């Protein structure tokens, strides 16, 4: 996991932004977990959508912080979803993946690598389960 996250921090892979990533996005994995508790309903962190945290104009360091939280949460949710495909965790994982896919429109470089890394967590998950699909659709629509 660390070697994959190191790729996220490669300088020069994304443009610098004056605005940076919203503060809510940098609050770590517990904030992401709390936000996902309401999936498939509206999920946000202090009003910020999960997809808004992954702008390719965000600096590498900010993306590394956001990426580390998202990958950790995705890995934990994937373990639970693998045990019970109809669980809330499966819906939450689906929502997170859907939000990332929503953010990938036009994504390249660092954001695309994060998307690829999170998609790897799905290898143990029944992504055809109704719970995962419900979360995925909601995340793509409003994540």
Foldseek 3Di string as FASTA:
>chain_A
DVVLLVQLLDFPQAAADPVAFDPQLLPAQVQLVVQLLPPPPAGDRVPHALLSRQARNHGSVSRSSSLVNLLVLLLVLLVVCLVPVQDSSLLSNLLSLLLLVLNCVVDDGSSVSSNVSSVVSCPSHPCVRPSSVRSNVSNVVRD
